């Protein structure tokens, strides 16, 4: 009995990580083996198994890429309803509640600026895309130096909080530092950007 060519093709395409193709060829090979009496049932099953594994791996990669892209898509300056977001999605105008206090910032809760909030992103500091990682202390210092408050804001108890890229986020293309305005006296309402902010 001759060897079924589709059985061989399913194994080859499976080994080349062409999961969906290997799966289809494996199924077709099994059908042809059953109807024509050719050899290669074991190869066809191997190709089918490789196809299933390869397809699942492809789906996992696509889902991961989609989630990564979503976590990097900038938010609007103000949101209509509270939502969880990645820190890299924040832009000038974003209002947060609560304000993360320590450690590396990852996920934050973004809220409408018209309601109570703990802090607002008031400026951004962009590192050059071609810049070499300056070290965490230098990155922190550069972003902090760009965070300026007006004398009126300082007299009212407003303080600046700076967030700089970490070495890990820098390796993944993060070149944006954020300056946030907050106060220890209580929650804010309104926006610093249009002068509607109400200090507690």
C-alpha atoms as a PDB file:
ATOM      1  CA  UNK A   1       0.000   0.000   0.000  1.00  0.00           C
ATOM      2  CA  UNK A   2       1.359   3.462  -0.832  1.00  0.00           C
ATOM      3  CA  UNK A   3       2.052   6.031   1.830  1.00  0.00           C
ATOM      4  CA  UNK A   4      -0.523   8.818   2.028  1.00  0.00           C
ATOM      5  CA  UNK A   5       1.236  12.077   0.968  1.00  0.00           C
ATOM      6  CA  UNK A   6      -1.099  14.237   3.039  1.00  0.00           C
ATOM      7  CA  UNK A   7      -0.026  12.376   6.183  1.00  0.00           C
ATOM      8  CA  UNK A   8       3.587  13.293   5.510  1.00  0.00           C
ATOM      9  CA  UNK A   9       2.615  16.865   4.672  1.00  0.00           C
ATOM     10  CA  UNK A  10       0.702  17.220   7.936  1.00  0.00           C
ATOM     11  CA  UNK A  11       3.774  16.222   9.973  1.00  0.00           C
ATOM     12  CA  UNK A  12       6.050  18.528   7.983  1.00  0.00           C
ATOM     13  CA  UNK A  13       3.760  21.541   8.328  1.00  0.00           C
ATOM     14  CA  UNK A  14       3.261  20.764  12.020  1.00  0.00           C
ATOM     15  CA  UNK A  15       7.039  20.708  12.533  1.00  0.00           C
ATOM     16  CA  UNK A  16       7.192  24.090  10.784  1.00  0.00           C
ATOM     17  CA  UNK A  17       4.721  25.501  13.364  1.00  0.00           C
ATOM     18  CA  UNK A  18       1.949  25.889  10.774  1.00  0.00           C
ATOM     19  CA  UNK A  19      -0.626  24.610  13.233  1.00  0.00           C
ATOM     20  CA  UNK A  20      -3.912  25.253  11.400  1.00  0.00           C
ATOM     21  CA  UNK A  21      -2.507  23.888   8.124  1.00  0.00           C
ATOM     22  CA  UNK A  22      -1.128  20.772   9.830  1.00  0.00           C
ATOM     23  CA  UNK A  23      -4.459  20.147  11.546  1.00  0.00           C
ATOM     24  CA  UNK A  24      -6.436  20.361   8.303  1.00  0.00           C
ATOM     25  CA  UNK A  25      -3.965  18.144   6.444  1.00  0.00           C
ATOM     26  CA  UNK A  26      -4.045  15.602   9.270  1.00  0.00           C
ATOM     27  CA  UNK A  27      -7.845  15.352   9.117  1.00  0.00           C
ATOM     28  CA  UNK A  28      -7.820  15.061   5.301  1.00  0.00           C
ATOM     29  CA  UNK A  29      -5.093  12.428   5.463  1.00  0.00           C
ATOM     30  CA  UNK A  30      -7.092  10.289   7.904  1.00  0.00           C
ATOM     31  CA  UNK A  31     -10.133  10.489   5.649  1.00  0.00           C
ATOM     32  CA  UNK A  32      -8.163   9.517   2.575  1.00  0.00           C
ATOM     33  CA  UNK A  33      -6.455   6.676   4.415  1.00  0.00           C
ATOM     34  CA  UNK A  34      -9.878   5.357   5.430  1.00  0.00           C
ATOM     35  CA  UNK A  35     -11.337   5.613   1.946  1.00  0.00           C
ATOM     36  CA  UNK A  36      -8.300   4.613  -0.154  1.00  0.00           C
ATOM     37  CA  UNK A  37      -6.585   2.162   2.147  1.00  0.00           C
ATOM     38  CA  UNK A  38      -3.250   3.991   2.007  1.00  0.00           C
ATOM     39  CA  UNK A  39      -0.668   3.862   4.800  1.00  0.00           C
ATOM     40  CA  UNK A  40       0.289   6.611   7.222  1.00  0.00           C
ATOM     41  CA  UNK A  41      -2.412   6.673   9.881  1.00  0.00           C
ATOM     42  CA  UNK A  42       0.196   7.206  12.612  1.00  0.00           C
ATOM     43  CA  UNK A  43       1.790  10.059  10.692  1.00  0.00           C
ATOM     44  CA  UNK A  44      -1.605  11.654  10.104  1.00  0.00           C
ATOM     45  CA  UNK A  45      -2.424  11.484  13.809  1.00  0.00           C
ATOM     46  CA  UNK A  46       0.953  12.978  14.670  1.00  0.00           C
ATOM     47  CA  UNK A  47       0.374  15.778  12.188  1.00  0.00           C
ATOM     48  CA  UNK A  48      -3.097  16.376  13.628  1.00  0.00           C
ATOM     49  CA  UNK A  49      -1.687  16.541  17.178  1.00  0.00           C
ATOM     50  CA  UNK A  50       1.020  18.964  16.068  1.00  0.00           C
ATOM     51  CA  UNK A  51      -1.681  21.011  14.364  1.00  0.00           C
ATOM     52  CA  UNK A  52      -3.760  21.247  17.522  1.00  0.00           C
ATOM     53  CA  UNK A  53      -0.757  22.239  19.649  1.00  0.00           C
ATOM     54  CA  UNK A  54       0.454  24.742  17.067  1.00  0.00           C
ATOM     55  CA  UNK A  55      -2.986  26.297  16.700  1.00  0.00           C
ATOM     56  CA  UNK A  56      -3.365  26.704  20.473  1.00  0.00           C
ATOM     57  CA  UNK A  57       0.073  28.311  20.660  1.00  0.00           C
ATOM     58  CA  UNK A  58      -0.834  30.687  17.819  1.00  0.00           C
ATOM     59  CA  UNK A  59      -4.064  31.675  19.565  1.00  0.00           C
ATOM     60  CA  UNK A  60      -2.149  32.345  22.810  1.00  0.00           C
ATOM     61  CA  UNK A  61       0.350  34.578  20.968  1.00  0.00           C
ATOM     62  CA  UNK A  62      -2.437  36.525  19.248  1.00  0.00           C
ATOM     63  CA  UNK A  63      -4.331  37.022  22.508  1.00  0.00           C
ATOM     64  CA  UNK A  64      -1.156  38.176  24.249  1.00  0.00           C
ATOM     65  CA  UNK A  65      -0.363  40.611  21.433  1.00  0.00           C
ATOM     66  CA  UNK A  66      -3.908  41.991  21.508  1.00  0.00           C
ATOM     67  CA  UNK A  67      -3.812  42.528  25.271  1.00  0.00           C
ATOM     68  CA  UNK A  68      -0.391  44.173  25.051  1.00  0.00           C
ATOM     69  CA  UNK A  69      -1.578  46.542  22.335  1.00  0.00           C
ATOM     70  CA  UNK A  70      -4.688  47.375  24.345  1.00  0.00           C
ATOM     71  CA  UNK A  71      -2.583  48.124  27.432  1.00  0.00           C
ATOM     72  CA  UNK A  72      -0.525  50.626  25.432  1.00  0.00           C
ATOM     73  CA  UNK A  73      -3.378  52.420  23.659  1.00  0.00           C
ATOM     74  CA  UNK A  74      -3.678  55.946  25.141  1.00  0.00           C
ATOM     75  CA  UNK A  75      -6.861  56.853  26.986  1.00  0.00           C
ATOM     76  CA  UNK A  76      -8.880  59.977  26.249  1.00  0.00           C
ATOM     77  CA  UNK A  77      -7.880  62.931  28.433  1.00  0.00           C
ATOM     78  CA  UNK A  78     -11.034  62.425  30.515  1.00  0.00           C
ATOM     79  CA  UNK A  79     -13.116  59.269  30.824  1.00  0.00           C
ATOM     80  CA  UNK A  80     -16.885  59.027  31.068  1.00  0.00           C
ATOM     81  CA  UNK A  81     -16.847  56.326  33.761  1.00  0.00           C
ATOM     82  CA  UNK A  82     -14.318  54.756  36.138  1.00  0.00           C
ATOM     83  CA  UNK A  83     -12.132  52.080  34.574  1.00  0.00           C
ATOM     84  CA  UNK A  84      -8.978  50.100  35.196  1.00  0.00           C
ATOM     85  CA  UNK A  85      -6.084  50.987  32.927  1.00  0.00           C
ATOM     86  CA  UNK A  86      -2.393  50.351  32.503  1.00  0.00           C
ATOM     87  CA  UNK A  87      -0.176  53.227  33.650  1.00  0.00           C
ATOM     88  CA  UNK A  88       1.260  53.498  30.124  1.00  0.00           C
ATOM     89  CA  UNK A  89      -2.211  54.440  28.862  1.00  0.00           C
ATOM     90  CA  UNK A  90      -2.357  57.626  30.939  1.00  0.00           C
ATOM     91  CA  UNK A  91      -2.186  61.024  29.243  1.00  0.00           C
ATOM     92  CA  UNK A  92      -2.176  64.629  30.404  1.00  0.00           C
ATOM     93  CA  UNK A  93      -5.577  65.198  31.982  1.00  0.00           C
ATOM     94  CA  UNK A  94      -6.146  61.663  33.326  1.00  0.00           C
ATOM     95  CA  UNK A  95      -7.597  61.641  36.851  1.00  0.00           C
ATOM     96  CA  UNK A  96      -6.859  58.791  39.258  1.00  0.00           C
ATOM     97  CA  UNK A  97      -8.457  57.441  42.369  1.00  0.00           C
ATOM     98  CA  UNK A  98      -6.753  56.185  44.402  1.00  0.00           C
ATOM     99  CA  UNK A  99      -3.188  57.335  43.813  1.00  0.00           C
ATOM    100  CA  UNK A 100      -0.757  54.378  44.070  1.00  0.00           C
ATOM    101  CA  UNK A 101       1.673  55.104  46.872  1.00  0.00           C
ATOM    102  CA  UNK A 102       4.733  52.887  46.581  1.00  0.00           C
ATOM    103  CA  UNK A 103       6.578  50.581  44.244  1.00  0.00           C
ATOM    104  CA  UNK A 104       6.335  50.171  40.494  1.00  0.00           C
ATOM    105  CA  UNK A 105       3.006  51.403  39.140  1.00  0.00           C
ATOM    106  CA  UNK A 106       1.220  49.035  36.797  1.00  0.00           C
ATOM    107  CA  UNK A 107      -2.583  49.100  36.873  1.00  0.00           C
ATOM    108  CA  UNK A 108      -4.436  52.220  37.994  1.00  0.00           C
ATOM    109  CA  UNK A 109      -8.069  53.266  38.379  1.00  0.00           C
ATOM    110  CA  UNK A 110      -8.933  56.167  36.093  1.00  0.00           C
ATOM    111  CA  UNK A 111     -12.030  58.211  36.970  1.00  0.00           C
ATOM    112  CA  UNK A 112     -13.928  61.204  35.525  1.00  0.00           C
ATOM    113  CA  UNK A 113     -12.278  64.447  36.614  1.00  0.00           C
ATOM    114  CA  UNK A 114     -15.670  65.970  37.438  1.00  0.00           C
ATOM    115  CA  UNK A 115     -15.998  63.568  40.358  1.00  0.00           C
ATOM    116  CA  UNK A 116     -13.796  63.049  43.425  1.00  0.00           C
ATOM    117  CA  UNK A 117     -10.265  61.910  42.651  1.00  0.00           C
ATOM    118  CA  UNK A 118      -6.898  61.712  44.348  1.00  0.00           C
ATOM    119  CA  UNK A 119      -4.620  63.032  41.603  1.00  0.00           C
ATOM    120  CA  UNK A 120      -4.439  64.238  38.022  1.00  0.00           C
ATOM    121  CA  UNK A 121      -1.759  63.888  35.358  1.00  0.00           C
ATOM    122  CA  UNK A 122      -0.835  67.499  34.587  1.00  0.00           C
ATOM    123  CA  UNK A 123       2.246  67.177  32.348  1.00  0.00           C
ATOM    124  CA  UNK A 124       4.283  64.558  30.519  1.00  0.00           C
ATOM    125  CA  UNK A 125       8.042  64.241  30.073  1.00  0.00           C
ATOM    126  CA  UNK A 126       9.129  62.457  26.887  1.00  0.00           C
ATOM    127  CA  UNK A 127      12.569  60.853  26.754  1.00  0.00           C
ATOM    128  CA  UNK A 128      14.163  60.672  23.313  1.00  0.00           C
ATOM    129  CA  UNK A 129      13.266  57.429  21.528  1.00  0.00           C
ATOM    130  CA  UNK A 130      16.953  56.806  20.804  1.00  0.00           C
ATOM    131  CA  UNK A 131      18.103  57.591  24.354  1.00  0.00           C
ATOM    132  CA  UNK A 132      20.129  55.061  26.331  1.00  0.00           C
ATOM    133  CA  UNK A 133      18.727  53.965  29.706  1.00  0.00           C
ATOM    134  CA  UNK A 134      20.082  56.624  32.117  1.00  0.00           C
ATOM    135  CA  UNK A 135      19.617  54.622  35.292  1.00  0.00           C
ATOM    136  CA  UNK A 136      16.624  54.738  37.608  1.00  0.00           C
ATOM    137  CA  UNK A 137      17.862  57.614  39.760  1.00  0.00           C
ATOM    138  CA  UNK A 138      18.589  59.787  36.727  1.00  0.00           C
ATOM    139  CA  UNK A 139      15.269  58.928  35.078  1.00  0.00           C
ATOM    140  CA  UNK A 140      13.404  59.781  38.275  1.00  0.00           C
ATOM    141  CA  UNK A 141      15.316  63.061  38.624  1.00  0.00           C
ATOM    142  CA  UNK A 142      14.623  64.162  35.056  1.00  0.00           C
ATOM    143  CA  UNK A 143      10.893  63.587  35.333  1.00  0.00           C
ATOM    144  CA  UNK A 144      10.712  65.163  38.784  1.00  0.00           C
ATOM    145  CA  UNK A 145      12.549  68.272  37.523  1.00  0.00           C
ATOM    146  CA  UNK A 146       9.893  68.735  34.847  1.00  0.00           C
ATOM    147  CA  UNK A 147       7.059  68.760  37.371  1.00  0.00           C
ATOM    148  CA  UNK A 148       6.351  72.412  38.083  1.00  0.00           C
ATOM    149  CA  UNK A 149       3.536  73.816  40.196  1.00  0.00           C
ATOM    150  CA  UNK A 150       2.389  77.406  40.378  1.00  0.00           C
ATOM    151  CA  UNK A 151       2.970  79.343  43.615  1.00  0.00           C
ATOM    152  CA  UNK A 152      -0.797  79.441  44.126  1.00  0.00           C
ATOM    153  CA  UNK A 153      -1.022  75.651  43.852  1.00  0.00           C
ATOM    154  CA  UNK A 154       1.866  75.142  46.271  1.00  0.00           C
ATOM    155  CA  UNK A 155       0.346  77.578  48.759  1.00  0.00           C
ATOM    156  CA  UNK A 156      -2.922  75.629  48.534  1.00  0.00           C
ATOM    157  CA  UNK A 157      -1.163  72.422  49.564  1.00  0.00           C
ATOM    158  CA  UNK A 158      -0.844  70.855  46.120  1.00  0.00           C
ATOM    159  CA  UNK A 159       2.237  68.686  45.644  1.00  0.00           C
ATOM    160  CA  UNK A 160       3.730  67.022  42.581  1.00  0.00           C
ATOM    161  CA  UNK A 161       4.279  63.294  42.187  1.00  0.00           C
ATOM    162  CA  UNK A 162       6.490  62.057  39.353  1.00  0.00           C
ATOM    163  CA  UNK A 163       6.431  58.660  37.664  1.00  0.00           C
ATOM    164  CA  UNK A 164       9.388  57.705  35.483  1.00  0.00           C
ATOM    165  CA  UNK A 165       9.895  54.614  33.317  1.00  0.00           C
ATOM    166  CA  UNK A 166      11.551  51.667  35.036  1.00  0.00           C
ATOM    167  CA  UNK A 167      14.427  49.765  33.477  1.00  0.00           C
ATOM    168  CA  UNK A 168      12.032  46.953  32.581  1.00  0.00           C
ATOM    169  CA  UNK A 169       9.420  49.217  30.974  1.00  0.00           C
ATOM    170  CA  UNK A 170      12.228  51.106  29.172  1.00  0.00           C
ATOM    171  CA  UNK A 171      13.307  47.823  27.550  1.00  0.00           C
ATOM    172  CA  UNK A 172       9.745  47.485  26.272  1.00  0.00           C
ATOM    173  CA  UNK A 173       9.750  50.930  24.670  1.00  0.00           C
ATOM    174  CA  UNK A 174       8.428  53.110  27.501  1.00  0.00           C
ATOM    175  CA  UNK A 175       9.866  56.617  27.134  1.00  0.00           C
ATOM    176  CA  UNK A 176       7.220  58.673  28.923  1.00  0.00           C
ATOM    177  CA  UNK A 177       7.352  60.167  32.401  1.00  0.00           C
ATOM    178  CA  UNK A 178       4.265  61.595  34.098  1.00  0.00           C
ATOM    179  CA  UNK A 179       3.779  64.473  36.534  1.00  0.00           C
ATOM    180  CA  UNK A 180       0.729  64.245  38.760  1.00  0.00           C
ATOM    181  CA  UNK A 181      -0.785  66.877  41.024  1.00  0.00           C
ATOM    182  CA  UNK A 182      -2.286  65.752  44.318  1.00  0.00           C
ATOM    183  CA  UNK A 183      -2.910  66.981  47.844  1.00  0.00           C
ATOM    184  CA  UNK A 184      -2.761  65.388  51.271  1.00  0.00           C
ATOM    185  CA  UNK A 185      -5.805  67.337  52.475  1.00  0.00           C
ATOM    186  CA  UNK A 186      -8.434  65.199  50.732  1.00  0.00           C
ATOM    187  CA  UNK A 187      -9.949  64.453  47.357  1.00  0.00           C
ATOM    188  CA  UNK A 188      -9.968  66.855  44.441  1.00  0.00           C
ATOM    189  CA  UNK A 189     -12.774  67.627  42.021  1.00  0.00           C
ATOM    190  CA  UNK A 190     -12.490  69.287  38.627  1.00  0.00           C
ATOM    191  CA  UNK A 191      -9.397  69.670  36.490  1.00  0.00           C
ATOM    192  CA  UNK A 192      -6.116  71.550  36.880  1.00  0.00           C
ATOM    193  CA  UNK A 193      -5.956  71.917  33.108  1.00  0.00           C
ATOM    194  CA  UNK A 194      -9.008  74.130  32.677  1.00  0.00           C
ATOM    195  CA  UNK A 195      -8.950  75.810  36.098  1.00  0.00           C
ATOM    196  CA  UNK A 196     -12.069  74.028  37.393  1.00  0.00           C
ATOM    197  CA  UNK A 197     -10.196  72.112  40.097  1.00  0.00           C
ATOM    198  CA  UNK A 198     -11.651  72.419  43.589  1.00  0.00           C
ATOM    199  CA  UNK A 199      -9.166  71.854  46.380  1.00  0.00           C
ATOM    200  CA  UNK A 200     -10.352  70.358  49.672  1.00  0.00           C
END
